Amino acid sequence: MENFSALAVGQMAPQKKRPWLKPVIIVGVFGAIVLLGIFVDNPLTASRTEVGACLKGDVDNAESIRNVECGTPEANFKVVGKQGGKSEGGLLLSGGSECDEYPTADLYYFQGKRTAADGTLLCLENLKNPGARLPAVGDCLPGDVFAAKKIEKVDCAGAQYKVLAIERHAELADPACVSVPSTDTKLTWQTGDGGLIPRERVLCLDELK
C-alpha cells in the first residue's frame, strides 16, 4: 500500500491567490494563435497582394498558391502586374492579353467569380522557368534569327537586323509594319507553350548589312 503524507490525506492547506495566473494563460493562448498564423499557410488573397511580391505553388492548382519571401527556394513566381475589376469569363476570352503591358509576365493568376467583374488579376513572372523574352525596340539581332529557335540579342556593331517597331499579329486587312516605311523585313515572334500566356507579335526589322 502506498503511503501518503499527512498534508495529502488531512485537511488541505489554504492556497494563496495567484492573480497573475489568468493573464499568463491569456498571453499563452494568444502566443499560440500567433505561432499558428506563422507556421500554417493561409490562402492567397490576390486583392491584398502587391506588385513585387513573390508566390509559391502551382497556378493550375489555385489552392496551392501562397505568399512567400522573394529570394527563397520556394519562390516560383513574382507579381509584375496587378489589375482589378476583372471576370473569369473575360480572361478566358482575352487569353490573358491584359498582361501584355508587362514585358516579363509569363502567366497569370486570377481570383474572383466567373461572371462578376470584381476579381483581381495578377500577372506573374515565372522565376524558375521563364518564357522567351520579346526583344525591345532598338535591340539588334543576328543574321540567323529567322532559323533560330530562340531570339538572341547581339551587339549592334556586328548585327544583321535592328528592331524598328513591334506590332500585334497582323491581319490580312491590316498588314503589319505599313506605318514603318524603313522596314526591310518582318519577323513573327510567338510564345505560349507550357501554359504560358499565348502571344504573337510582328517585329519590323531594319536590315543593317
N, C-alpha and C. Protein backbone atom coordinates (compact mmCIF):
# COMPACT_ATOMS: atom_id res chain seq x y z
N MET A 1 0.86 -1.20 0.00
CA MET A 1 0.00 0.00 0.00
C MET A 1 0.89 1.24 0.00
N GLU A 2 0.47 2.19 -0.81
CA GLU A 2 1.26 3.41 -0.90
C GLU A 2 1.07 4.25 0.35
N ASN A 3 2.07 4.98 0.74
CA ASN A 3 2.00 5.88 1.90
C ASN A 3 1.71 7.28 1.43
N PHE A 4 0.86 7.98 2.09
CA PHE A 4 0.52 9.37 1.76
C PHE A 4 1.01 10.27 2.87
N SER A 5 1.39 11.46 2.53
CA SER A 5 1.83 12.42 3.55
C SER A 5 0.63 12.91 4.32
N ALA A 6 0.87 13.41 5.48
CA ALA A 6 -0.23 13.89 6.34
C ALA A 6 -0.96 15.03 5.67
N LEU A 7 -0.25 15.87 4.93
CA LEU A 7 -0.89 17.00 4.26
C LEU A 7 -1.84 16.52 3.18
N ALA A 8 -1.51 15.43 2.51
CA ALA A 8 -2.34 14.95 1.41
C ALA A 8 -3.62 14.32 1.91
N VAL A 9 -3.60 13.58 3.02
CA VAL A 9 -4.81 12.89 3.50
C VAL A 9 -5.58 13.72 4.51
N GLY A 10 -4.95 14.73 5.05
CA GLY A 10 -5.62 15.57 6.03
C GLY A 10 -6.29 16.75 5.36
N GLN A 11 -6.53 17.76 6.12
CA GLN A 11 -7.18 18.97 5.60
C GLN A 11 -6.22 19.71 4.67
N MET A 12 -6.72 20.11 3.50
CA MET A 12 -5.88 20.81 2.54
C MET A 12 -5.46 22.16 3.09
N ALA A 13 -4.20 22.45 2.91
CA ALA A 13 -3.70 23.75 3.36
C ALA A 13 -4.28 24.84 2.48
N PRO A 14 -4.61 26.00 3.04
CA PRO A 14 -5.18 27.10 2.23
C PRO A 14 -4.21 27.53 1.14
N GLN A 15 -4.76 27.74 -0.07
CA GLN A 15 -3.97 28.15 -1.21
C GLN A 15 -3.97 29.67 -1.36
N LYS A 16 -2.81 30.22 -1.65
CA LYS A 16 -2.73 31.66 -1.89
C LYS A 16 -3.27 31.98 -3.27
N LYS A 17 -3.93 33.08 -3.39
CA LYS A 17 -4.43 33.50 -4.69
C LYS A 17 -3.27 33.93 -5.59
N ARG A 18 -3.40 33.61 -6.84
CA ARG A 18 -2.37 33.98 -7.82
C ARG A 18 -3.00 34.84 -8.91
N PRO A 19 -3.11 36.11 -8.67
CA PRO A 19 -3.78 36.97 -9.64
C PRO A 19 -3.09 37.03 -10.99
N TRP A 20 -1.82 36.61 -11.08
CA TRP A 20 -1.08 36.68 -12.33
C TRP A 20 -1.37 35.48 -13.24
N LEU A 21 -2.01 34.45 -12.71
CA LEU A 21 -2.17 33.21 -13.46
C LEU A 21 -3.05 33.39 -14.69
N LYS A 22 -4.19 34.05 -14.56
CA LYS A 22 -5.12 34.23 -15.67
C LYS A 22 -4.51 35.04 -16.80
N PRO A 23 -3.87 36.18 -16.50
CA PRO A 23 -3.23 36.92 -17.59
C PRO A 23 -2.17 36.10 -18.33
N VAL A 24 -1.41 35.29 -17.59
CA VAL A 24 -0.37 34.49 -18.23
C VAL A 24 -1.00 33.47 -19.16
N ILE A 25 -2.11 32.86 -18.76
CA ILE A 25 -2.79 31.90 -19.61
C ILE A 25 -3.30 32.57 -20.88
N ILE A 26 -3.86 33.77 -20.73
CA ILE A 26 -4.38 34.50 -21.89
C ILE A 26 -3.25 34.82 -22.85
N VAL A 27 -2.12 35.31 -22.31
CA VAL A 27 -0.98 35.63 -23.15
C VAL A 27 -0.48 34.37 -23.84
N GLY A 28 -0.46 33.24 -23.14
CA GLY A 28 -0.01 31.98 -23.74
C GLY A 28 -0.89 31.55 -24.89
N VAL A 29 -2.22 31.67 -24.71
CA VAL A 29 -3.13 31.30 -25.78
C VAL A 29 -2.95 32.22 -26.98
N PHE A 30 -2.81 33.53 -26.73
CA PHE A 30 -2.60 34.48 -27.82
C PHE A 30 -1.32 34.18 -28.57
N GLY A 31 -0.25 33.84 -27.83
CA GLY A 31 1.01 33.49 -28.47
C GLY A 31 0.89 32.27 -29.35
N ALA A 32 0.10 31.29 -28.89
CA ALA A 32 -0.10 30.08 -29.70
C ALA A 32 -0.82 30.41 -31.00
N ILE A 33 -1.80 31.32 -30.93
CA ILE A 33 -2.53 31.72 -32.14
C ILE A 33 -1.59 32.41 -33.12
N VAL A 34 -0.72 33.28 -32.60
CA VAL A 34 0.24 33.98 -33.46
C VAL A 34 1.18 32.98 -34.13
N LEU A 35 1.66 31.99 -33.37
CA LEU A 35 2.55 30.98 -33.93
C LEU A 35 1.84 30.17 -35.00
N LEU A 36 0.57 29.84 -34.77
CA LEU A 36 -0.18 29.11 -35.78
C LEU A 36 -0.30 29.92 -37.07
N GLY A 37 -0.48 31.22 -36.92
CA GLY A 37 -0.57 32.09 -38.09
C GLY A 37 0.72 32.14 -38.88
N ILE A 38 1.86 31.94 -38.18
CA ILE A 38 3.16 31.98 -38.84
C ILE A 38 3.44 30.68 -39.57
N PHE A 39 3.15 29.56 -38.90
CA PHE A 39 3.55 28.26 -39.43
C PHE A 39 2.49 27.59 -40.30
N VAL A 40 1.24 28.06 -40.27
CA VAL A 40 0.20 27.48 -41.11
C VAL A 40 -0.05 28.42 -42.29
N ASP A 41 0.08 27.93 -43.51
CA ASP A 41 -0.12 28.77 -44.69
C ASP A 41 -1.56 29.22 -44.80
N ASN A 42 -1.74 30.47 -45.17
CA ASN A 42 -3.07 30.99 -45.43
C ASN A 42 -3.26 31.12 -46.92
N PRO A 43 -4.48 30.87 -47.43
CA PRO A 43 -4.74 31.02 -48.87
C PRO A 43 -4.41 32.44 -49.33
N LEU A 44 -3.96 32.54 -50.55
CA LEU A 44 -3.59 33.85 -51.10
C LEU A 44 -4.82 34.72 -51.29
N THR A 45 -4.71 35.96 -50.91
CA THR A 45 -5.74 36.96 -51.19
C THR A 45 -5.16 37.90 -52.24
N ALA A 46 -5.59 37.70 -53.48
CA ALA A 46 -4.98 38.44 -54.60
C ALA A 46 -5.14 39.94 -54.45
N SER A 47 -6.30 40.39 -53.94
CA SER A 47 -6.55 41.83 -53.83
C SER A 47 -5.59 42.50 -52.85
N ARG A 48 -5.01 41.73 -51.94
CA ARG A 48 -4.08 42.29 -50.95
C ARG A 48 -2.62 42.05 -51.33
N THR A 49 -2.39 41.37 -52.43
CA THR A 49 -1.03 41.07 -52.87
C THR A 49 -0.51 42.19 -53.76
N GLU A 50 0.64 42.72 -53.44
CA GLU A 50 1.16 43.88 -54.15
C GLU A 50 2.16 43.47 -55.23
N VAL A 51 2.35 44.36 -56.21
CA VAL A 51 3.36 44.15 -57.25
C VAL A 51 4.73 44.08 -56.59
N GLY A 52 5.52 43.10 -56.98
CA GLY A 52 6.83 42.89 -56.37
C GLY A 52 6.85 41.74 -55.41
N ALA A 53 5.65 41.28 -54.99
CA ALA A 53 5.57 40.14 -54.06
C ALA A 53 5.88 38.85 -54.81
N CYS A 54 6.30 37.83 -54.07
CA CYS A 54 6.60 36.53 -54.65
C CYS A 54 5.62 35.48 -54.13
N LEU A 55 5.39 34.47 -54.97
CA LEU A 55 4.43 33.42 -54.64
C LEU A 55 5.06 32.06 -54.84
N LYS A 56 4.50 31.07 -54.15
CA LYS A 56 4.89 29.68 -54.37
C LYS A 56 3.64 28.89 -54.73
N GLY A 57 3.83 27.67 -55.22
CA GLY A 57 2.69 26.83 -55.57
C GLY A 57 2.58 26.59 -57.05
N ASP A 58 1.41 26.11 -57.46
CA ASP A 58 1.14 25.76 -58.86
C ASP A 58 -0.07 26.56 -59.33
N VAL A 59 0.09 27.35 -60.38
CA VAL A 59 -1.01 28.20 -60.84
C VAL A 59 -2.18 27.37 -61.36
N ASP A 60 -1.94 26.10 -61.70
CA ASP A 60 -3.04 25.23 -62.13
C ASP A 60 -3.83 24.68 -60.94
N ASN A 61 -3.32 24.90 -59.75
CA ASN A 61 -4.00 24.50 -58.52
C ASN A 61 -4.08 25.72 -57.63
N ALA A 62 -5.17 26.46 -57.76
CA ALA A 62 -5.31 27.75 -57.07
C ALA A 62 -5.13 27.64 -55.57
N GLU A 63 -5.54 26.49 -54.99
CA GLU A 63 -5.46 26.33 -53.54
C GLU A 63 -4.01 26.23 -53.05
N SER A 64 -3.09 25.94 -53.97
CA SER A 64 -1.69 25.77 -53.56
C SER A 64 -0.91 27.08 -53.55
N ILE A 65 -1.47 28.14 -54.12
CA ILE A 65 -0.75 29.41 -54.22
C ILE A 65 -0.69 30.11 -52.86
N ARG A 66 0.50 30.48 -52.46
CA ARG A 66 0.73 31.16 -51.18
C ARG A 66 1.76 32.26 -51.37
N ASN A 67 1.73 33.24 -50.48
CA ASN A 67 2.78 34.25 -50.45
C ASN A 67 4.05 33.63 -49.89
N VAL A 68 5.18 34.08 -50.40
CA VAL A 68 6.46 33.57 -49.90
C VAL A 68 7.49 34.68 -50.05
N GLU A 69 8.54 34.61 -49.28
CA GLU A 69 9.58 35.63 -49.34
C GLU A 69 10.36 35.51 -50.64
N CYS A 70 10.60 36.62 -51.32
CA CYS A 70 11.39 36.61 -52.55
C CYS A 70 12.83 36.20 -52.24
N GLY A 71 13.44 35.47 -53.15
CA GLY A 71 14.81 35.04 -52.96
C GLY A 71 14.95 33.69 -52.29
N THR A 72 13.84 33.12 -51.80
CA THR A 72 13.89 31.80 -51.18
C THR A 72 13.70 30.73 -52.25
N PRO A 73 14.15 29.49 -51.97
CA PRO A 73 14.00 28.40 -52.95
C PRO A 73 12.55 28.12 -53.31
N GLU A 74 11.60 28.47 -52.42
CA GLU A 74 10.19 28.20 -52.68
C GLU A 74 9.56 29.17 -53.66
N ALA A 75 10.18 30.32 -53.86
CA ALA A 75 9.59 31.37 -54.71
C ALA A 75 9.57 30.92 -56.17
N ASN A 76 8.37 30.68 -56.69
CA ASN A 76 8.22 30.26 -58.09
C ASN A 76 7.84 31.41 -59.01
N PHE A 77 7.12 32.41 -58.47
CA PHE A 77 6.60 33.48 -59.30
C PHE A 77 6.79 34.83 -58.62
N LYS A 78 6.84 35.87 -59.45
CA LYS A 78 6.90 37.24 -58.95
C LYS A 78 5.79 38.04 -59.60
N VAL A 79 5.07 38.81 -58.81
CA VAL A 79 3.96 39.62 -59.32
C VAL A 79 4.54 40.85 -60.00
N VAL A 80 4.35 40.95 -61.32
CA VAL A 80 4.88 42.09 -62.08
C VAL A 80 3.77 43.03 -62.52
N GLY A 81 2.53 42.63 -62.32
CA GLY A 81 1.39 43.48 -62.68
C GLY A 81 0.15 43.06 -61.92
N LYS A 82 -0.73 44.01 -61.68
CA LYS A 82 -1.96 43.73 -60.94
C LYS A 82 -3.08 44.59 -61.49
N GLN A 83 -4.24 43.97 -61.76
CA GLN A 83 -5.39 44.70 -62.28
C GLN A 83 -6.65 44.22 -61.57
N GLY A 84 -7.50 45.16 -61.20
CA GLY A 84 -8.78 44.83 -60.57
C GLY A 84 -9.93 44.96 -61.55
N GLY A 85 -11.13 44.60 -61.09
CA GLY A 85 -12.32 44.73 -61.92
C GLY A 85 -12.37 43.76 -63.07
N LYS A 86 -11.88 42.52 -62.86
CA LYS A 86 -11.84 41.51 -63.92
C LYS A 86 -12.79 40.36 -63.61
N SER A 87 -13.21 39.65 -64.66
CA SER A 87 -14.04 38.46 -64.50
C SER A 87 -13.34 37.27 -65.15
N GLU A 88 -13.64 36.07 -64.67
CA GLU A 88 -13.03 34.87 -65.23
C GLU A 88 -13.42 34.69 -66.69
N GLY A 89 -14.68 34.97 -67.01
CA GLY A 89 -15.14 34.84 -68.39
C GLY A 89 -14.38 35.76 -69.32
N GLY A 90 -14.14 36.98 -68.89
CA GLY A 90 -13.41 37.94 -69.71
C GLY A 90 -11.98 37.49 -69.97
N LEU A 91 -11.36 36.89 -68.96
CA LEU A 91 -9.99 36.43 -69.12
C LEU A 91 -9.91 35.25 -70.08
N LEU A 92 -10.92 34.38 -70.03
CA LEU A 92 -10.93 33.24 -70.93
C LEU A 92 -11.03 33.71 -72.39
N LEU A 93 -11.78 34.79 -72.61
CA LEU A 93 -11.91 35.33 -73.96
C LEU A 93 -10.65 36.04 -74.42
N SER A 94 -9.99 36.73 -73.49
CA SER A 94 -8.82 37.53 -73.87
C SER A 94 -7.53 36.71 -73.89
N GLY A 95 -7.55 35.54 -73.24
CA GLY A 95 -6.34 34.74 -73.18
C GLY A 95 -5.26 35.35 -72.31
N GLY A 96 -5.65 36.26 -71.44
CA GLY A 96 -4.66 36.90 -70.56
C GLY A 96 -3.91 38.04 -71.21
N SER A 97 -4.47 38.58 -72.30
CA SER A 97 -3.77 39.67 -73.00
C SER A 97 -3.67 40.93 -72.15
N GLU A 98 -4.42 40.96 -71.04
CA GLU A 98 -4.31 42.11 -70.13
C GLU A 98 -2.90 42.24 -69.58
N CYS A 99 -2.15 41.15 -69.59
CA CYS A 99 -0.78 41.18 -69.05
C CYS A 99 0.25 41.58 -70.10
N ASP A 100 -0.20 41.93 -71.31
CA ASP A 100 0.73 42.28 -72.39
C ASP A 100 1.60 43.47 -72.04
N GLU A 101 1.08 44.37 -71.23
CA GLU A 101 1.85 45.58 -70.93
C GLU A 101 3.00 45.33 -69.96
N TYR A 102 3.09 44.11 -69.46
CA TYR A 102 4.19 43.77 -68.55
C TYR A 102 5.14 42.81 -69.28
N PRO A 103 6.27 43.29 -69.76
CA PRO A 103 7.13 42.51 -70.66
C PRO A 103 7.59 41.17 -70.08
N THR A 104 7.76 41.08 -68.76
CA THR A 104 8.28 39.84 -68.18
C THR A 104 7.18 38.91 -67.68
N ALA A 105 5.91 39.24 -67.95
CA ALA A 105 4.81 38.39 -67.50
C ALA A 105 4.75 37.13 -68.35
N ASP A 106 4.82 35.97 -67.71
CA ASP A 106 4.77 34.69 -68.40
C ASP A 106 3.40 34.02 -68.27
N LEU A 107 2.71 34.24 -67.18
CA LEU A 107 1.41 33.64 -66.94
C LEU A 107 0.63 34.52 -65.98
N TYR A 108 -0.62 34.13 -65.73
CA TYR A 108 -1.42 34.96 -64.83
C TYR A 108 -2.18 34.11 -63.83
N TYR A 109 -2.57 34.77 -62.74
CA TYR A 109 -3.36 34.13 -61.69
C TYR A 109 -4.57 35.02 -61.45
N PHE A 110 -5.75 34.42 -61.48
CA PHE A 110 -6.97 35.19 -61.29
C PHE A 110 -7.72 34.69 -60.06
N GLN A 111 -8.28 35.62 -59.32
CA GLN A 111 -9.10 35.27 -58.15
C GLN A 111 -10.38 36.09 -58.22
N GLY A 112 -11.50 35.40 -58.34
CA GLY A 112 -12.79 36.08 -58.44
C GLY A 112 -13.84 35.15 -59.01
N LYS A 113 -14.99 35.73 -59.34
CA LYS A 113 -16.11 34.95 -59.86
C LYS A 113 -16.07 34.91 -61.39
N ARG A 114 -16.78 33.94 -61.96
CA ARG A 114 -16.78 33.76 -63.40
C ARG A 114 -17.44 34.92 -64.13
N THR A 115 -18.52 35.45 -63.56
CA THR A 115 -19.28 36.49 -64.28
C THR A 115 -19.11 37.88 -63.68
N ALA A 116 -19.03 37.98 -62.37
CA ALA A 116 -18.93 39.30 -61.73
C ALA A 116 -17.56 39.93 -62.01
N ALA A 117 -17.60 41.18 -62.43
CA ALA A 117 -16.35 41.89 -62.78
C ALA A 117 -15.76 42.57 -61.55
N ASP A 118 -15.47 41.78 -60.53
CA ASP A 118 -14.87 42.34 -59.32
C ASP A 118 -13.67 41.50 -58.87
N GLY A 119 -13.14 40.70 -59.79
CA GLY A 119 -11.99 39.86 -59.46
C GLY A 119 -10.68 40.59 -59.64
N THR A 120 -9.60 39.95 -59.18
CA THR A 120 -8.26 40.53 -59.27
C THR A 120 -7.36 39.65 -60.13
N LEU A 121 -6.67 40.28 -61.06
CA LEU A 121 -5.74 39.59 -61.95
C LEU A 121 -4.32 39.92 -61.53
N LEU A 122 -3.51 38.88 -61.34
CA LEU A 122 -2.09 39.05 -61.05
C LEU A 122 -1.29 38.52 -62.24
N CYS A 123 -0.47 39.38 -62.83
CA CYS A 123 0.40 38.97 -63.93
C CYS A 123 1.74 38.54 -63.32
N LEU A 124 2.16 37.32 -63.64
CA LEU A 124 3.29 36.72 -62.94
C LEU A 124 4.47 36.46 -63.86
N GLU A 125 5.65 36.69 -63.34
CA GLU A 125 6.88 36.26 -63.99
C GLU A 125 7.27 34.91 -63.42
N ASN A 126 7.54 33.96 -64.28
CA ASN A 126 7.95 32.64 -63.84
C ASN A 126 9.44 32.69 -63.50
N LEU A 127 9.77 32.57 -62.22
CA LEU A 127 11.16 32.71 -61.79
C LEU A 127 11.98 31.46 -62.06
N LYS A 128 11.33 30.31 -62.10
CA LYS A 128 12.06 29.04 -62.28
C LYS A 128 12.17 28.65 -63.76
N ASN A 129 11.15 28.93 -64.55
CA ASN A 129 11.15 28.53 -65.95
C ASN A 129 10.54 29.64 -66.81
N PRO A 130 11.25 30.76 -66.94
CA PRO A 130 10.69 31.91 -67.68
C PRO A 130 10.53 31.61 -69.16
N GLY A 131 9.57 32.27 -69.75
CA GLY A 131 9.34 32.12 -71.18
C GLY A 131 10.33 32.96 -71.98
N ALA A 132 10.22 32.82 -73.30
CA ALA A 132 11.09 33.60 -74.18
C ALA A 132 10.74 35.08 -74.05
N ARG A 133 11.74 35.91 -74.02
CA ARG A 133 11.51 37.34 -73.86
C ARG A 133 11.47 38.04 -75.21
N LEU A 134 10.50 38.90 -75.39
CA LEU A 134 10.35 39.67 -76.62
C LEU A 134 11.42 40.75 -76.67
N PRO A 135 12.14 40.87 -77.80
CA PRO A 135 13.12 41.96 -77.92
C PRO A 135 12.43 43.32 -77.82
N ALA A 136 13.19 44.32 -77.47
CA ALA A 136 12.65 45.68 -77.38
C ALA A 136 13.01 46.46 -78.64
N VAL A 137 12.28 47.52 -78.88
CA VAL A 137 12.61 48.41 -80.00
C VAL A 137 14.02 48.96 -79.78
N GLY A 138 14.86 48.85 -80.82
CA GLY A 138 16.25 49.29 -80.71
C GLY A 138 17.22 48.15 -80.52
N ASP A 139 16.71 46.96 -80.13
CA ASP A 139 17.58 45.79 -79.98
C ASP A 139 18.05 45.31 -81.35
N CYS A 140 19.22 44.69 -81.39
CA CYS A 140 19.77 44.17 -82.63
C CYS A 140 19.82 42.64 -82.60
N LEU A 141 19.66 42.04 -83.78
CA LEU A 141 19.54 40.60 -83.90
C LEU A 141 20.54 40.05 -84.91
N PRO A 142 20.95 38.79 -84.76
CA PRO A 142 21.92 38.20 -85.68
C PRO A 142 21.29 37.79 -87.00
N GLY A 143 22.12 37.39 -87.94
CA GLY A 143 21.63 37.04 -89.27
C GLY A 143 20.84 35.75 -89.32
N ASP A 144 21.07 34.84 -88.35
CA ASP A 144 20.36 33.57 -88.36
C ASP A 144 19.09 33.60 -87.52
N VAL A 145 18.58 34.78 -87.23
CA VAL A 145 17.44 34.91 -86.33
C VAL A 145 16.19 34.21 -86.87
N PHE A 146 16.05 34.12 -88.19
CA PHE A 146 14.85 33.51 -88.76
C PHE A 146 14.86 31.99 -88.60
N ALA A 147 16.04 31.41 -88.48
CA ALA A 147 16.14 29.95 -88.33
C ALA A 147 16.29 29.54 -86.87
N ALA A 148 16.62 30.48 -86.00
CA ALA A 148 16.88 30.14 -84.59
C ALA A 148 15.57 29.83 -83.86
N LYS A 149 15.66 28.91 -82.90
CA LYS A 149 14.50 28.56 -82.09
C LYS A 149 14.25 29.61 -81.01
N LYS A 150 15.27 30.33 -80.65
CA LYS A 150 15.16 31.36 -79.62
C LYS A 150 15.87 32.61 -80.11
N ILE A 151 15.22 33.74 -79.94
CA ILE A 151 15.80 35.00 -80.39
C ILE A 151 16.88 35.45 -79.40
N GLU A 152 18.08 35.64 -79.92
CA GLU A 152 19.19 36.12 -79.09
C GLU A 152 19.58 37.52 -79.54
N LYS A 153 19.63 38.43 -78.60
CA LYS A 153 20.06 39.79 -78.92
C LYS A 153 21.59 39.85 -79.00
N VAL A 154 22.09 40.68 -79.91
CA VAL A 154 23.54 40.82 -80.07
C VAL A 154 23.92 42.29 -80.12
N ASP A 155 25.21 42.54 -80.05
CA ASP A 155 25.70 43.92 -80.15
C ASP A 155 25.42 44.45 -81.57
N CYS A 156 24.96 45.67 -81.64
CA CYS A 156 24.56 46.23 -82.93
C CYS A 156 25.73 46.37 -83.91
N ALA A 157 26.95 46.40 -83.39
CA ALA A 157 28.12 46.56 -84.28
C ALA A 157 28.27 45.38 -85.22
N GLY A 158 27.88 44.19 -84.79
CA GLY A 158 28.01 43.03 -85.65
C GLY A 158 26.68 42.39 -86.00
N ALA A 159 25.59 43.12 -85.85
CA ALA A 159 24.25 42.58 -86.06
C ALA A 159 23.82 42.65 -87.52
N GLN A 160 22.82 41.87 -87.84
CA GLN A 160 22.24 41.86 -89.18
C GLN A 160 20.99 42.71 -89.25
N TYR A 161 20.23 42.71 -88.13
CA TYR A 161 18.94 43.42 -88.12
C TYR A 161 18.80 44.26 -86.85
N LYS A 162 17.98 45.30 -86.98
CA LYS A 162 17.64 46.14 -85.83
C LYS A 162 16.12 46.27 -85.75
N VAL A 163 15.58 46.14 -84.54
CA VAL A 163 14.12 46.21 -84.34
C VAL A 163 13.67 47.66 -84.39
N LEU A 164 12.86 47.98 -85.41
CA LEU A 164 12.35 49.34 -85.56
C LEU A 164 11.02 49.54 -84.83
N ALA A 165 10.20 48.49 -84.79
CA ALA A 165 8.88 48.59 -84.16
C ALA A 165 8.39 47.18 -83.85
N ILE A 166 7.44 47.10 -82.93
CA ILE A 166 6.81 45.83 -82.57
C ILE A 166 5.30 46.02 -82.63
N GLU A 167 4.64 45.17 -83.41
CA GLU A 167 3.19 45.30 -83.58
C GLU A 167 2.51 43.97 -83.28
N ARG A 168 1.23 44.05 -83.00
CA ARG A 168 0.45 42.83 -82.78
C ARG A 168 0.35 42.04 -84.07
N HIS A 169 -0.05 40.79 -83.96
CA HIS A 169 -0.16 39.93 -85.14
C HIS A 169 -1.01 40.62 -86.22
N ALA A 170 -0.49 40.64 -87.41
CA ALA A 170 -1.15 41.37 -88.50
C ALA A 170 -2.28 40.55 -89.10
N GLU A 171 -3.35 41.22 -89.46
CA GLU A 171 -4.45 40.60 -90.19
C GLU A 171 -4.29 40.93 -91.68
N LEU A 172 -4.97 40.15 -92.51
CA LEU A 172 -4.87 40.38 -93.96
C LEU A 172 -5.33 41.78 -94.33
N ALA A 173 -6.35 42.25 -93.62
CA ALA A 173 -6.88 43.58 -93.94
C ALA A 173 -6.03 44.70 -93.34
N ASP A 174 -5.13 44.34 -92.42
CA ASP A 174 -4.32 45.35 -91.75
C ASP A 174 -2.90 44.81 -91.58
N PRO A 175 -2.12 44.74 -92.64
CA PRO A 175 -0.77 44.17 -92.56
C PRO A 175 0.13 44.95 -91.62
N ALA A 176 1.06 44.23 -91.03
CA ALA A 176 1.96 44.84 -90.05
C ALA A 176 3.04 45.68 -90.73
N CYS A 177 3.55 46.62 -89.98
CA CYS A 177 4.72 47.42 -90.34
C CYS A 177 4.48 48.41 -91.49
N VAL A 178 3.24 48.57 -91.95
CA VAL A 178 2.98 49.53 -93.03
C VAL A 178 3.23 50.96 -92.56
N SER A 179 3.14 51.17 -91.26
CA SER A 179 3.37 52.52 -90.73
C SER A 179 4.85 52.77 -90.45
N VAL A 180 5.69 51.78 -90.74
CA VAL A 180 7.14 51.94 -90.53
C VAL A 180 7.81 51.80 -91.90
N PRO A 181 7.95 52.89 -92.66
CA PRO A 181 8.41 52.83 -94.06
C PRO A 181 9.80 52.23 -94.23
N SER A 182 10.66 52.35 -93.23
CA SER A 182 12.03 51.86 -93.37
C SER A 182 12.17 50.38 -93.07
N THR A 183 11.06 49.69 -92.88
CA THR A 183 11.11 48.25 -92.62
C THR A 183 11.60 47.50 -93.86
N ASP A 184 12.64 46.68 -93.67
CA ASP A 184 13.16 45.86 -94.75
C ASP A 184 12.56 44.45 -94.74
N THR A 185 12.30 43.94 -93.54
CA THR A 185 11.73 42.60 -93.42
C THR A 185 10.98 42.48 -92.10
N LYS A 186 10.17 41.44 -91.97
CA LYS A 186 9.35 41.25 -90.78
C LYS A 186 9.60 39.86 -90.19
N LEU A 187 9.52 39.78 -88.89
CA LEU A 187 9.71 38.51 -88.19
C LEU A 187 8.56 38.30 -87.22
N THR A 188 7.90 37.15 -87.30
CA THR A 188 6.81 36.84 -86.38
C THR A 188 7.38 36.15 -85.14
N TRP A 189 7.05 36.69 -83.99
CA TRP A 189 7.52 36.15 -82.70
C TRP A 189 6.34 35.58 -81.94
N GLN A 190 6.48 34.35 -81.45
CA GLN A 190 5.39 33.69 -80.74
C GLN A 190 5.88 33.09 -79.43
N THR A 191 5.00 33.03 -78.47
CA THR A 191 5.25 32.33 -77.22
C THR A 191 3.92 31.85 -76.69
N GLY A 192 3.96 30.98 -75.69
CA GLY A 192 2.72 30.47 -75.11
C GLY A 192 2.76 28.99 -74.81
N ASP A 193 3.85 28.32 -75.13
CA ASP A 193 3.96 26.90 -74.84
C ASP A 193 4.12 26.66 -73.35
N GLY A 194 3.70 25.48 -72.89
CA GLY A 194 3.89 25.11 -71.49
C GLY A 194 3.04 25.89 -70.52
N GLY A 195 1.85 26.31 -70.93
CA GLY A 195 0.96 27.02 -70.02
C GLY A 195 1.21 28.51 -69.92
N LEU A 196 2.15 29.03 -70.72
CA LEU A 196 2.43 30.45 -70.67
C LEU A 196 1.37 31.22 -71.44
N ILE A 197 1.31 32.52 -71.19
CA ILE A 197 0.33 33.36 -71.87
C ILE A 197 0.62 33.36 -73.37
N PRO A 198 -0.35 33.00 -74.21
CA PRO A 198 -0.10 32.99 -75.66
C PRO A 198 0.05 34.40 -76.20
N ARG A 199 1.13 34.62 -76.95
CA ARG A 199 1.37 35.93 -77.54
C ARG A 199 1.94 35.75 -78.94
N GLU A 200 1.58 36.66 -79.80
CA GLU A 200 2.15 36.68 -81.15
C GLU A 200 2.36 38.13 -81.54
N ARG A 201 3.58 38.46 -81.94
CA ARG A 201 3.93 39.82 -82.33
C ARG A 201 4.70 39.80 -83.65
N VAL A 202 4.70 40.92 -84.32
CA VAL A 202 5.47 41.08 -85.55
C VAL A 202 6.56 42.11 -85.29
N LEU A 203 7.81 41.71 -85.55
CA LEU A 203 8.94 42.62 -85.39
C LEU A 203 9.24 43.26 -86.75
N CYS A 204 9.21 44.56 -86.79
CA CYS A 204 9.56 45.30 -88.00
C CYS A 204 11.08 45.55 -87.96
N LEU A 205 11.80 44.98 -88.92
CA LEU A 205 13.27 44.98 -88.86
C LEU A 205 13.91 45.83 -89.95
N ASP A 206 14.97 46.47 -89.56
CA ASP A 206 15.82 47.20 -90.49
C ASP A 206 17.04 46.33 -90.76
N GLU A 207 17.33 46.04 -92.02
CA GLU A 207 18.50 45.22 -92.37
C GLU A 207 19.73 46.11 -92.39
N LEU A 208 20.68 45.82 -91.51
CA LEU A 208 21.85 46.67 -91.35
C LEU A 208 22.94 46.37 -92.36
N LYS A 209 22.95 45.15 -92.92
CA LYS A 209 24.02 44.78 -93.86
C LYS A 209 23.44 44.37 -95.20
